[in-house]
Every structure is written in C-alpha cells, then in structure tokens.
C-alpha atoms as a PDB file:
ATOM      1  CA  MET A   1     -17.476  24.123 -12.205  1.00  0.00           C
ATOM      2  CA  ILE A   2     -16.372  26.131 -15.267  1.00  0.00           C
ATOM      3  CA  THR A   3     -18.961  28.706 -16.365  1.00  0.00           C
ATOM      4  CA  ASN A   4     -19.470  30.568 -19.587  1.00  0.00           C
ATOM      5  CA  ASN A   5     -17.922  33.652 -17.980  1.00  0.00           C
ATOM      6  CA  ASP A   6     -14.711  31.676 -17.327  1.00  0.00           C
ATOM      7  CA  THR A   7     -14.552  30.633 -20.961  1.00  0.00           C
ATOM      8  CA  LYS A   8     -15.184  34.174 -22.219  1.00  0.00           C
ATOM      9  CA  ARG A   9     -12.513  35.552 -19.861  1.00  0.00           C
ATOM     10  CA  ALA A  10     -10.023  32.945 -21.061  1.00  0.00           C
ATOM     11  CA  ARG A  11     -10.701  33.832 -24.719  1.00  0.00           C
ATOM     12  CA  PHE A  12     -10.397  37.543 -23.950  1.00  0.00           C
ATOM     13  CA  ASP A  13      -7.042  36.980 -22.199  1.00  0.00           C
ATOM     14  CA  MET A  14      -5.759  35.000 -25.158  1.00  0.00           C
ATOM     15  CA  ALA A  15      -6.839  37.660 -27.656  1.00  0.00           C
ATOM     16  CA  PHE A  16      -5.266  40.373 -25.521  1.00  0.00           C
ATOM     17  CA  TYR A  17      -1.898  38.616 -25.316  1.00  0.00           C
ATOM     18  CA  GLN A  18      -1.963  37.823 -29.028  1.00  0.00           C
ATOM     19  CA  ARG A  19      -2.098  41.575 -29.763  1.00  0.00           C
ATOM     20  CA  LEU A  20       0.915  42.143 -27.492  1.00  0.00           C
ATOM     21  CA  VAL A  21       3.127  39.372 -28.844  1.00  0.00           C
ATOM     22  CA  PRO A  22       4.846  39.874 -32.227  1.00  0.00           C
ATOM     23  CA  THR A  23       3.636  37.770 -35.133  1.00  0.00           C
ATOM     24  CA  THR A  24       6.930  35.824 -35.399  1.00  0.00           C
ATOM     25  CA  ILE A  25       6.320  34.156 -32.032  1.00  0.00           C
ATOM     26  CA  HIS A  26       2.554  34.089 -32.245  1.00  0.00           C
ATOM     27  CA  THR A  27       2.307  30.271 -32.405  1.00  0.00           C
ATOM     28  CA  TYR A  28       4.585  29.859 -29.416  1.00  0.00           C
ATOM     29  CA  SER A  29       2.637  32.397 -27.377  1.00  0.00           C
ATOM     30  CA  VAL A  30      -0.654  30.653 -28.098  1.00  0.00           C
ATOM     31  CA  VAL A  31       0.730  27.354 -26.796  1.00  0.00           C
ATOM     32  CA  VAL A  32       2.073  28.974 -23.635  1.00  0.00           C
ATOM     33  CA  ILE A  33      -1.155  30.836 -22.962  1.00  0.00           C
ATOM     34  CA  LYS A  34      -3.275  27.718 -23.481  1.00  0.00           C
ATOM     35  CA  LEU A  35      -1.056  25.784 -21.080  1.00  0.00           C
ATOM     36  CA  PHE A  36      -1.325  28.598 -18.509  1.00  0.00           C
ATOM     37  CA  ILE A  37      -5.112  28.600 -18.749  1.00  0.00           C
ATOM     38  CA  ARG A  38      -5.285  24.799 -18.498  1.00  0.00           C
ATOM     39  CA  VAL A  39      -3.094  24.725 -15.396  1.00  0.00           C
ATOM     40  CA  LYS A  40      -5.081  27.554 -13.817  1.00  0.00           C
ATOM     41  CA  MET A  41      -8.376  25.788 -14.411  1.00  0.00           C
ATOM     42  CA  SER A  42      -7.078  22.333 -13.350  1.00  0.00           C
ATOM     43  CA  ARG A  43      -6.567  23.636  -9.822  1.00  0.00           C
ATOM     44  CA  ARG A  44     -10.340  23.644  -9.444  1.00  0.00           C
ATOM     45  CA  TYR A  45     -10.316  19.823  -9.540  1.00  0.00           C
ATOM     46  CA  ASP A  46      -7.677  19.345  -6.864  1.00  0.00           C
ATOM     47  CA  SER A  47      -9.639  20.615  -3.907  1.00  0.00           C
ATOM     48  CA  ARG A  48     -12.433  18.014  -3.782  1.00  0.00           C
ATOM     49  CA  THR A  49     -12.460  14.236  -4.111  1.00  0.00           C
ATOM     50  CA  THR A  50     -15.869  14.146  -5.818  1.00  0.00           C
ATOM     51  CA  ILE A  51     -14.981  16.242  -8.893  1.00  0.00           C
ATOM     52  CA  PHE A  52     -13.586  14.591 -12.011  1.00  0.00           C
ATOM     53  CA  SER A  53     -11.028  16.480 -14.077  1.00  0.00           C
ATOM     54  CA  PRO A  54     -11.676  16.823 -17.847  1.00  0.00           C
ATOM     55  CA  GLU A  55      -9.366  13.816 -18.304  1.00  0.00           C
ATOM     56  CA  GLY A  56     -11.537  11.697 -16.012  1.00  0.00           C
ATOM     57  CA  ARG A  57      -9.127  11.706 -13.051  1.00  0.00           C
ATOM     58  CA  LEU A  58      -9.675  12.104  -9.326  1.00  0.00           C
ATOM     59  CA  TYR A  59      -6.595  14.025  -8.226  1.00  0.00           C
ATOM     60  CA  GLN A  60      -7.053  13.548  -4.479  1.00  0.00           C
ATOM     61  CA  VAL A  61      -7.112   9.780  -4.881  1.00  0.00           C
ATOM     62  CA  GLU A  62      -3.935   9.945  -6.937  1.00  0.00           C
ATOM     63  CA  TYR A  63      -2.295  12.142  -4.321  1.00  0.00           C
ATOM     64  CA  ALA A  64      -3.196   9.556  -1.647  1.00  0.00           C
ATOM     65  CA  MET A  65      -1.411   6.900  -3.710  1.00  0.00           C
ATOM     66  CA  GLU A  66       1.622   9.166  -3.984  1.00  0.00           C
ATOM     67  CA  ALA A  67       1.768   9.335  -0.159  1.00  0.00           C
ATOM     68  CA  ILE A  68       2.094   5.558  -0.071  1.00  0.00           C
ATOM     69  CA  GLY A  69       5.128   5.760  -2.377  1.00  0.00           C
ATOM     70  CA  ASN A  70       7.008   7.521   0.405  1.00  0.00           C
ATOM     71  CA  ALA A  71       6.170   4.940   3.078  1.00  0.00           C
ATOM     72  CA  GLY A  72       8.212   1.934   4.109  1.00  0.00           C
ATOM     73  CA  SER A  73       8.095  -1.004   1.774  1.00  0.00           C
ATOM     74  CA  ALA A  74       5.995  -4.115   2.459  1.00  0.00           C
ATOM     75  CA  ILE A  75       6.116  -7.416   0.586  1.00  0.00           C
ATOM     76  CA  GLY A  76       3.713 -10.336   0.708  1.00  0.00           C
ATOM     77  CA  ILE A  77       4.319 -13.805  -0.815  1.00  0.00           C
ATOM     78  CA  LEU A  78       1.843 -16.654  -1.052  1.00  0.00           C
ATOM     79  CA  SER A  79       3.348 -20.138  -0.575  1.00  0.00           C
ATOM     80  CA  LYS A  80       1.904 -23.633  -0.645  1.00  0.00           C
ATOM     81  CA  ASP A  81       1.955 -23.889   3.150  1.00  0.00           C
ATOM     82  CA  GLY A  82       1.413 -20.311   4.283  1.00  0.00           C
ATOM     83  CA  VAL A  83       1.679 -16.586   3.599  1.00  0.00           C
ATOM     84  CA  VAL A  84       4.746 -14.453   4.376  1.00  0.00           C
ATOM     85  CA  LEU A  85       4.655 -10.708   5.098  1.00  0.00           C
ATOM     86  CA  VAL A  86       7.811  -8.596   5.414  1.00  0.00           C
ATOM     87  CA  GLY A  87       7.837  -4.867   6.094  1.00  0.00           C
ATOM     88  CA  GLU A  88      10.404  -2.066   6.393  1.00  0.00           C
ATOM     89  CA  LYS A  89      10.295  -0.101   9.617  1.00  0.00           C
ATOM     90  CA  LYS A  90      10.855   3.628   9.435  1.00  0.00           C
ATOM     91  CA  VAL A  91      10.981   4.204  13.195  1.00  0.00           C
ATOM     92  CA  THR A  92      14.061   2.536  14.686  1.00  0.00           C
ATOM     93  CA  SER A  93      15.405   3.346  18.136  1.00  0.00           C
ATOM     94  CA  LYS A  94      17.129   1.539  20.986  1.00  0.00           C
ATOM     95  CA  LEU A  95      14.489   3.015  23.289  1.00  0.00           C
ATOM     96  CA  LEU A  96      11.645   1.353  21.372  1.00  0.00           C
ATOM     97  CA  GLN A  97      10.125  -1.682  23.093  1.00  0.00           C
ATOM     98  CA  THR A  98       9.832  -4.094  20.175  1.00  0.00           C
ATOM     99  CA  SER A  99       7.773  -6.701  22.045  1.00  0.00           C
ATOM    100  CA  THR A 100       4.772  -4.355  22.455  1.00  0.00           C
ATOM    101  CA  SER A 101       5.093  -2.022  19.463  1.00  0.00           C
ATOM    102  CA  THR A 102       4.530  -2.734  15.771  1.00  0.00           C
ATOM    103  CA  GLU A 103       4.671  -0.507  12.754  1.00  0.00           C
ATOM    104  CA  LYS A 104       3.913  -2.727   9.785  1.00  0.00           C
ATOM    105  CA  MET A 105       2.155  -5.944  10.902  1.00  0.00           C
ATOM    106  CA  TYR A 106      -1.288  -6.192  12.476  1.00  0.00           C
ATOM    107  CA  LYS A 107      -3.522  -9.089  13.434  1.00  0.00           C
ATOM    108  CA  ILE A 108      -7.135  -8.613  12.405  1.00  0.00           C
ATOM    109  CA  ASP A 109      -8.566 -11.974  13.477  1.00  0.00           C
ATOM    110  CA  ASP A 110      -7.228 -15.420  14.317  1.00  0.00           C
ATOM    111  CA  HIS A 111      -7.074 -16.273  10.612  1.00  0.00           C
ATOM    112  CA  VAL A 112      -6.262 -12.895   9.017  1.00  0.00           C
ATOM    113  CA  ALA A 113      -3.355 -10.459   9.331  1.00  0.00           C
ATOM    114  CA  CYS A 114      -2.150  -7.492   7.318  1.00  0.00           C
ATOM    115  CA  ALA A 115       0.891  -5.398   6.487  1.00  0.00           C
ATOM    116  CA  VAL A 116       0.405  -1.653   5.923  1.00  0.00           C
ATOM    117  CA  ALA A 117       2.142   1.095   3.989  1.00  0.00           C
ATOM    118  CA  GLY A 118       1.167   4.740   4.298  1.00  0.00           C
ATOM    119  CA  ILE A 119      -0.266   7.019   6.999  1.00  0.00           C
ATOM    120  CA  MET A 120      -0.378   4.979  10.174  1.00  0.00           C
ATOM    121  CA  SER A 121      -3.185   6.973  11.791  1.00  0.00           C
ATOM    122  CA  ASP A 122      -5.420   6.138   8.813  1.00  0.00           C
ATOM    123  CA  ALA A 123      -4.334   2.491   9.017  1.00  0.00           C
ATOM    124  CA  ASN A 124      -5.307   2.273  12.691  1.00  0.00           C
ATOM    125  CA  ILE A 125      -8.879   3.411  11.950  1.00  0.00           C
ATOM    126  CA  LEU A 126      -9.302   0.885   9.131  1.00  0.00           C
ATOM    127  CA  ILE A 127      -7.757  -1.971  11.108  1.00  0.00           C
ATOM    128  CA  ASN A 128     -10.149  -1.376  13.985  1.00  0.00           C
ATOM    129  CA  THR A 129     -13.031  -1.294  11.476  1.00  0.00           C
ATOM    130  CA  ALA A 130     -11.915  -4.642  10.039  1.00  0.00           C
ATOM    131  CA  ARG A 131     -11.589  -6.161  13.511  1.00  0.00           C
ATOM    132  CA  VAL A 132     -15.107  -5.128  14.447  1.00  0.00           C
ATOM    133  CA  ALA A 133     -16.510  -6.492  11.185  1.00  0.00           C
ATOM    134  CA  ALA A 134     -14.735  -9.845  11.719  1.00  0.00           C
ATOM    135  CA  GLN A 135     -15.992 -10.152  15.288  1.00  0.00           C
ATOM    136  CA  ARG A 136     -19.567  -9.267  14.353  1.00  0.00           C
ATOM    137  CA  TYR A 137     -19.522 -11.936  11.669  1.00  0.00           C
ATOM    138  CA  THR A 138     -18.165 -14.558  14.040  1.00  0.00           C
ATOM    139  CA  PHE A 139     -20.731 -13.614  16.703  1.00  0.00           C
ATOM    140  CA  SER A 140     -23.585 -13.818  14.195  1.00  0.00           C
ATOM    141  CA  TYR A 141     -22.667 -17.000  12.318  1.00  0.00           C
ATOM    142  CA  GLN A 142     -20.340 -18.820  14.753  1.00  0.00           C
ATOM    143  CA  THR A 143     -17.702 -19.196  12.032  1.00  0.00           C
ATOM    144  CA  PRO A 144     -14.757 -17.019  10.958  1.00  0.00           C
ATOM    145  CA  MET A 145     -15.417 -14.440   8.312  1.00  0.00           C
ATOM    146  CA  PRO A 146     -14.139 -15.456   4.851  1.00  0.00           C
ATOM    147  CA  VAL A 147     -10.957 -13.571   4.009  1.00  0.00           C
ATOM    148  CA  GLU A 148     -12.133 -12.079   0.736  1.00  0.00           C
ATOM    149  CA  GLN A 149     -15.436 -10.988   2.276  1.00  0.00           C
ATOM    150  CA  LEU A 150     -13.542  -9.162   5.024  1.00  0.00           C
ATOM    151  CA  VAL A 151     -11.249  -7.465   2.500  1.00  0.00           C
ATOM    152  CA  GLN A 152     -14.232  -6.457   0.373  1.00  0.00           C
ATOM    153  CA  SER A 153     -16.027  -5.000   3.366  1.00  0.00           C
ATOM    154  CA  LEU A 154     -13.028  -2.841   4.272  1.00  0.00           C
ATOM    155  CA  CYS A 155     -12.499  -1.744   0.669  1.00  0.00           C
ATOM    156  CA  ASP A 156     -16.127  -0.653   0.459  1.00  0.00           C
ATOM    157  CA  THR A 157     -15.392   1.709   3.346  1.00  0.00           C
ATOM    158  CA  LYS A 158     -12.296   3.025   1.614  1.00  0.00           C
ATOM    159  CA  GLN A 159     -14.176   3.541  -1.639  1.00  0.00           C
ATOM    160  CA  GLY A 160     -16.899   5.533   0.129  1.00  0.00           C
ATOM    161  CA  TYR A 161     -14.329   8.084   1.206  1.00  0.00           C
ATOM    162  CA  THR A 162     -13.576   8.851  -2.458  1.00  0.00           C
ATOM    163  CA  GLN A 163     -17.218   9.349  -3.384  1.00  0.00           C
ATOM    164  CA  PHE A 164     -18.827  11.543  -0.709  1.00  0.00           C
ATOM    165  CA  GLY A 165     -18.144  15.238  -0.229  1.00  0.00           C
ATOM    166  CA  GLY A 166     -16.315  16.552   2.815  1.00  0.00           C
ATOM    167  CA  LEU A 167     -14.120  13.465   3.102  1.00  0.00           C
ATOM    168  CA  ARG A 168     -10.653  12.557   1.967  1.00  0.00           C
ATOM    169  CA  PRO A 169      -9.258   9.178   0.867  1.00  0.00           C
ATOM    170  CA  PHE A 170      -7.374   7.008   3.341  1.00  0.00           C
ATOM    171  CA  GLY A 171      -3.680   7.333   2.575  1.00  0.00           C
ATOM    172  CA  VAL A 172      -2.796   3.676   3.158  1.00  0.00           C
ATOM    173  CA  SER A 173      -2.416   0.440   1.245  1.00  0.00           C
ATOM    174  CA  PHE A 174      -2.785  -3.032   2.729  1.00  0.00           C
ATOM    175  CA  LEU A 175      -1.455  -6.516   2.115  1.00  0.00           C
ATOM    176  CA  PHE A 176      -3.896  -9.031   3.637  1.00  0.00           C
ATOM    177  CA  ALA A 177      -2.762 -12.566   4.460  1.00  0.00           C
ATOM    178  CA  GLY A 178      -5.199 -15.219   5.638  1.00  0.00           C
ATOM    179  CA  TRP A 179      -6.689 -18.670   5.425  1.00  0.00           C
ATOM    180  CA  ASP A 180     -10.245 -19.972   5.199  1.00  0.00           C
ATOM    181  CA  LYS A 181     -11.901 -23.237   4.280  1.00  0.00           C
ATOM    182  CA  ASN A 182     -13.144 -21.865   0.949  1.00  0.00           C
ATOM    183  CA  TYR A 183      -9.889 -20.905  -0.767  1.00  0.00           C
ATOM    184  CA  GLY A 184      -7.139 -21.920   1.626  1.00  0.00           C
ATOM    185  CA  PHE A 185      -4.235 -19.480   1.944  1.00  0.00           C
ATOM    186  CA  GLN A 186      -4.831 -16.099   0.302  1.00  0.00           C
ATOM    187  CA  LEU A 187      -2.996 -12.826  -0.293  1.00  0.00           C
ATOM    188  CA  TYR A 188      -4.813  -9.588  -1.219  1.00  0.00           C
ATOM    189  CA  MET A 189      -3.613  -6.082  -1.949  1.00  0.00           C
ATOM    190  CA  SER A 190      -5.743  -2.918  -1.698  1.00  0.00           C
ATOM    191  CA  ASP A 191      -5.070   0.764  -2.446  1.00  0.00           C
ATOM    192  CA  PRO A 192      -6.669   4.066  -1.334  1.00  0.00           C
ATOM    193  CA  SER A 193      -9.245   3.934  -4.122  1.00  0.00           C
ATOM    194  CA  GLY A 194     -10.869   0.873  -2.552  1.00  0.00           C
ATOM    195  CA  ASN A 195      -9.702  -1.455  -5.321  1.00  0.00           C
ATOM    196  CA  TYR A 196      -8.363  -4.867  -4.317  1.00  0.00           C
ATOM    197  CA  GLY A 197      -7.147  -8.061  -5.948  1.00  0.00           C
ATOM    198  CA  GLY A 198      -5.702 -11.473  -5.138  1.00  0.00           C
ATOM    199  CA  TRP A 199      -1.963 -11.898  -5.665  1.00  0.00           C
ATOM    200  CA  LYS A 200       0.689 -14.610  -5.498  1.00  0.00           C
ATOM    201  CA  ALA A 201       3.298 -12.006  -4.620  1.00  0.00           C
ATOM    202  CA  ALA A 202       2.859  -8.272  -4.163  1.00  0.00           C
ATOM    203  CA  ALA A 203       4.719  -5.180  -2.962  1.00  0.00           C
ATOM    204  CA  VAL A 204       3.539  -1.782  -1.678  1.00  0.00           C
ATOM    205  CA  GLY A 205       5.338   1.335  -0.460  1.00  0.00           C
ATOM    206  CA  ALA A 206       8.618   2.816  -1.649  1.00  0.00           C
ATOM    207  CA  ASN A 207      10.231   1.230  -4.702  1.00  0.00           C
ATOM    208  CA  ASN A 208       7.269  -1.086  -5.162  1.00  0.00           C
ATOM    209  CA  GLN A 209       7.694  -1.257  -8.931  1.00  0.00           C
ATOM    210  CA  ALA A 210      11.281  -2.524  -8.671  1.00  0.00           C
ATOM    211  CA  ALA A 211      10.218  -5.018  -6.004  1.00  0.00           C
ATOM    212  CA  GLN A 212       7.301  -6.197  -8.121  1.00  0.00           C
ATOM    213  CA  SER A 213       9.615  -6.798 -11.068  1.00  0.00           C
ATOM    214  CA  MET A 214      11.970  -8.907  -8.968  1.00  0.00           C
ATOM    215  CA  LEU A 215       9.088 -10.907  -7.531  1.00  0.00           C
ATOM    216  CA  LYS A 216       7.741 -11.551 -11.003  1.00  0.00           C
ATOM    217  CA  GLN A 217      11.137 -12.798 -12.112  1.00  0.00           C
ATOM    218  CA  ASP A 218      12.014 -14.996  -9.094  1.00  0.00           C
ATOM    219  CA  TYR A 219       8.650 -16.301  -7.889  1.00  0.00           C
ATOM    220  CA  LYS A 220       8.011 -20.016  -8.438  1.00  0.00           C
ATOM    221  CA  GLU A 221       4.842 -22.037  -8.274  1.00  0.00           C
ATOM    222  CA  GLU A 222       4.582 -24.340  -5.248  1.00  0.00           C
ATOM    223  CA  ILE A 223       7.117 -22.234  -3.337  1.00  0.00           C
ATOM    224  CA  SER A 224       7.568 -23.256   0.283  1.00  0.00           C
ATOM    225  CA  ARG A 225       7.164 -20.897   3.229  1.00  0.00           C
ATOM    226  CA  GLU A 226      10.886 -20.945   3.979  1.00  0.00           C
ATOM    227  CA  GLU A 227      11.706 -20.147   0.347  1.00  0.00           C
ATOM    228  CA  ALA A 228       9.132 -17.344   0.441  1.00  0.00           C
ATOM    229  CA  VAL A 229      10.853 -15.804   3.463  1.00  0.00           C
ATOM    230  CA  GLN A 230      14.196 -16.002   1.705  1.00  0.00           C
ATOM    231  CA  LEU A 231      12.782 -14.406  -1.478  1.00  0.00           C
ATOM    232  CA  ALA A 232      11.059 -11.591   0.472  1.00  0.00           C
ATOM    233  CA  LEU A 233      14.216 -10.687   2.383  1.00  0.00           C
ATOM    234  CA  LYS A 234      16.274 -10.813  -0.821  1.00  0.00           C
ATOM    235  CA  VAL A 235      13.900  -8.505  -2.677  1.00  0.00           C
ATOM    236  CA  LEU A 236      13.622  -6.085   0.222  1.00  0.00           C
ATOM    237  CA  SER A 237      17.434  -5.922   0.633  1.00  0.00           C
ATOM    238  CA  LYS A 238      17.795  -4.843  -3.001  1.00  0.00           C
ATOM    239  CA  THR A 239      14.970  -2.337  -3.099  1.00  0.00           C
ATOM    240  CA  MET A 240      15.242  -0.615   0.290  1.00  0.00           C
ATOM    241  CA  ASP A 241      16.744   2.875   0.342  1.00  0.00           C
ATOM    242  CA  SER A 242      18.883   1.905   3.328  1.00  0.00           C
ATOM    243  CA  THR A 243      22.443   0.692   2.610  1.00  0.00           C
ATOM    244  CA  SER A 244      22.403  -2.084   5.194  1.00  0.00           C
ATOM    245  CA  LEU A 245      19.625  -4.495   6.136  1.00  0.00           C
ATOM    246  CA  THR A 246      19.302  -5.296   9.835  1.00  0.00           C
ATOM    247  CA  ALA A 247      16.689  -6.976  12.018  1.00  0.00           C
ATOM    248  CA  GLU A 248      15.895  -3.623  13.696  1.00  0.00           C
ATOM    249  CA  LYS A 249      14.708  -2.231  10.373  1.00  0.00           C
ATOM    250  CA  LEU A 250      12.387  -5.119   9.482  1.00  0.00           C
ATOM    251  CA  GLU A 251       9.235  -6.852  10.617  1.00  0.00           C
ATOM    252  CA  LEU A 252       8.368 -10.396   9.487  1.00  0.00           C
ATOM    253  CA  ALA A 253       5.084 -12.228  10.050  1.00  0.00           C
ATOM    254  CA  GLU A 254       3.697 -15.533   8.802  1.00  0.00           C
ATOM    255  CA  VAL A 255       0.235 -17.056   8.546  1.00  0.00           C
ATOM    256  CA  PHE A 256       0.242 -20.876   8.457  1.00  0.00           C
ATOM    257  CA  LEU A 257      -1.434 -24.019   9.815  1.00  0.00           C
ATOM    258  CA  ASP A 258       0.069 -25.678  12.917  1.00  0.00           C
ATOM    259  CA  ASP A 259       0.295 -29.414  13.427  1.00  0.00           C
ATOM    260  CA  GLY A 260      -3.293 -29.488  14.692  1.00  0.00           C
ATOM    261  CA  GLY A 261      -4.626 -27.798  11.554  1.00  0.00           C
ATOM    262  CA  LYS A 262      -5.354 -24.508  13.311  1.00  0.00           C
ATOM    263  CA  VAL A 263      -4.503 -21.164  11.698  1.00  0.00           C
ATOM    264  CA  LYS A 264      -1.550 -19.525  13.398  1.00  0.00           C
ATOM    265  CA  TYR A 265      -0.239 -15.953  13.084  1.00  0.00           C
ATOM    266  CA  GLN A 266       3.362 -15.648  14.119  1.00  0.00           C
ATOM    267  CA  VAL A 267       5.641 -12.587  14.257  1.00  0.00           C
ATOM    268  CA  CYS A 268       9.334 -13.270  14.034  1.00  0.00           C
ATOM    269  CA  SER A 269      11.451 -11.901  16.917  1.00  0.00           C
ATOM    270  CA  PRO A 270      14.353  -9.558  16.098  1.00  0.00           C
ATOM    271  CA  GLU A 271      16.821 -12.238  17.299  1.00  0.00           C
ATOM    272  CA  ASN A 272      15.470 -14.916  14.979  1.00  0.00           C
ATOM    273  CA  LEU A 273      15.122 -12.418  12.153  1.00  0.00           C
ATOM    274  CA  GLY A 274      18.777 -11.474  12.532  1.00  0.00           C
ATOM    275  CA  LYS A 275      19.759 -15.146  12.266  1.00  0.00           C
ATOM    276  CA  MET A 276      17.676 -15.473   9.091  1.00  0.00           C
ATOM    277  CA  LEU A 277      19.400 -12.507   7.496  1.00  0.00           C
ATOM    278  CA  VAL A 278      22.791 -14.088   8.120  1.00  0.00           C
ATOM    279  CA  LYS A 279      21.582 -17.543   7.032  1.00  0.00           C
ATOM    280  CA  TYR A 280      20.307 -16.321   3.701  1.00  0.00           C
ATOM    281  CA  GLY A 281      23.339 -14.088   3.104  1.00  0.00           C
ATOM    282  CA  VAL A 282      21.293 -10.900   3.065  1.00  0.00           C
ATOM    283  CA  THR A 283      23.437  -9.194   5.714  1.00  0.00           C
ATOM    284  CA  GLN A 284      26.860  -9.666   7.266  1.00  0.00           C
ATOM    285  CA  ALA A 285      27.218 -11.616  10.476  1.00  0.00           C
ATOM    286  CA  PRO A 286      28.103  -9.420  13.504  1.00  0.00           C
ATOM    287  CA  VAL A 287      31.795  -9.266  14.324  1.00  0.00           C
ATOM    288  CA  ASP A 288      32.739 -10.259  17.879  1.00  0.00           C
ATOM    289  CA  THR A 289      34.928  -7.710  19.649  1.00  0.00           C
END
C-alpha cells in the first residue's frame, strides 16, 4: 500500500534530480525519473495475488498464464460424432513406458477427459479434485455429473486461489472433452484465473495464438471425428517448435459414443498414431534398412 510518505519521498527525489540536471534536458529527465518511480512502486503489486495494480491488473495471475505459454501445446476439436484431443509431449525417452505413463491426457470420469498444459504437479491436484467431485455427484444422484457443472466446480477452485491471501494461482490450463444427455458432445477451455468457456476448437500452450488462427481458418461445421484428427495433427505439425513430428512426441485421445450408445474414452497407441501421421502426410514414412 502506497502511503503519503512514499508520495512525499518520490516528489522530493524528483525535485532533487531536477536541480542536478541541466535545463536543456529537463523534460527528458522528468520522464525518466517518473518511469523509475513507477517501476519501483509497481514491484509492490507483484508479490501478492490479492493486490490490484493501479491499472487494475493481478500480476501473479498474468505470470501464471505466461508459464502456460512455455508448456507443450494441446489442441481440442469438437466434431459431430465426438471430441478429439491432441497434445505435445515434452518428455520423450526410449526408457519411458508409454502404456502406463501419460503427460497430456487424463480421464476424469467415464464421460469426461481433459488435456493439460502447464505445471504438471498443479494439474495432478486439480485432476484429483475433479475426479472426487464427479464421483461424489454420481454417488449422490446415481447419474453422471453434467460436463459443464464439473468444469464450473473445478474453475471455482482455481478462482479461489487468485482471491485469498497466502495462495498462488494454479499454473495450468485445461481442455475438457465430454458428453452428457443435456448438451451432447462438449469442449471447454479454462485458464489459471478460473475463467472457462465452450469452444468448437481451441488451443493452449506454446504457440497457441498461431494454432488458434489456423483452427479458425480451417474448421468446418459438421466436421467428422476423422477429419478433426487430421486437422489437429496438421495444425500441431505447423505450430510445434520441433522440426519433425513423430508419434513419440504426441498423445491423442478421443471421446465418442460406441455402437451401444455408451460414452467411450480412447487413447491412441503410438503405433496407430504413427500410421495416422503417415496417412495424413504429416510426417515421412520410416525408411526400411
């Protein structure tokens, strides 16, 4: 909090420096000194999430969003017969057991899944919170929790961490994919501030603005699930920082209805994902030696 003493001290410093600086550069010196004082005082608003800056900004929330910009990309596309999620893996190793480890895709309930971008330890806490909320709802009402209600519940938790002292925002964004009897297939995106919205196609993580522009240009109404997979891989191949796109660097998951009308969450295996990349011309076919 800025007190009267701080204001008096700032005015005294300005008057002192004005006497030292020649008249010919007086205007320039005033601008520099004002900028110095503004920067010095703005640091007081960086340390806590509950203090607004004079411009009405919460710097810690903005810093949390910046952390997501350095994370692996994730893309979600809503189709007429399902929802497609594709994510870029940052941890790739031959020693990694792909069947039991996941970096981008998580199942929350039988009818809801999500892709994450940001700090994974923060994501794990929120995913467990969402799973508990979904199970409690099912136990209480004997019906799956509506997708938007689940997203809203989790975003309320995220928003609380930007409002109370002694806490910091969660440095993670989510893409939620799900189905319920109220709205059918749905895709939601949320950020560290606790804000969320429904999307037809969305991107989070590194180069998300470029990916969002490509999705806006190429997305079509009534797109099929197969076309959505092709579009997601195409966009990711052009926006990833990596020079070559391989199955080891990607995770792909789909939410759709099976022949019996039951919601199914399916993660694509690296072998099938590699075949898709070749089929859609996103990567080169391996050369036999």
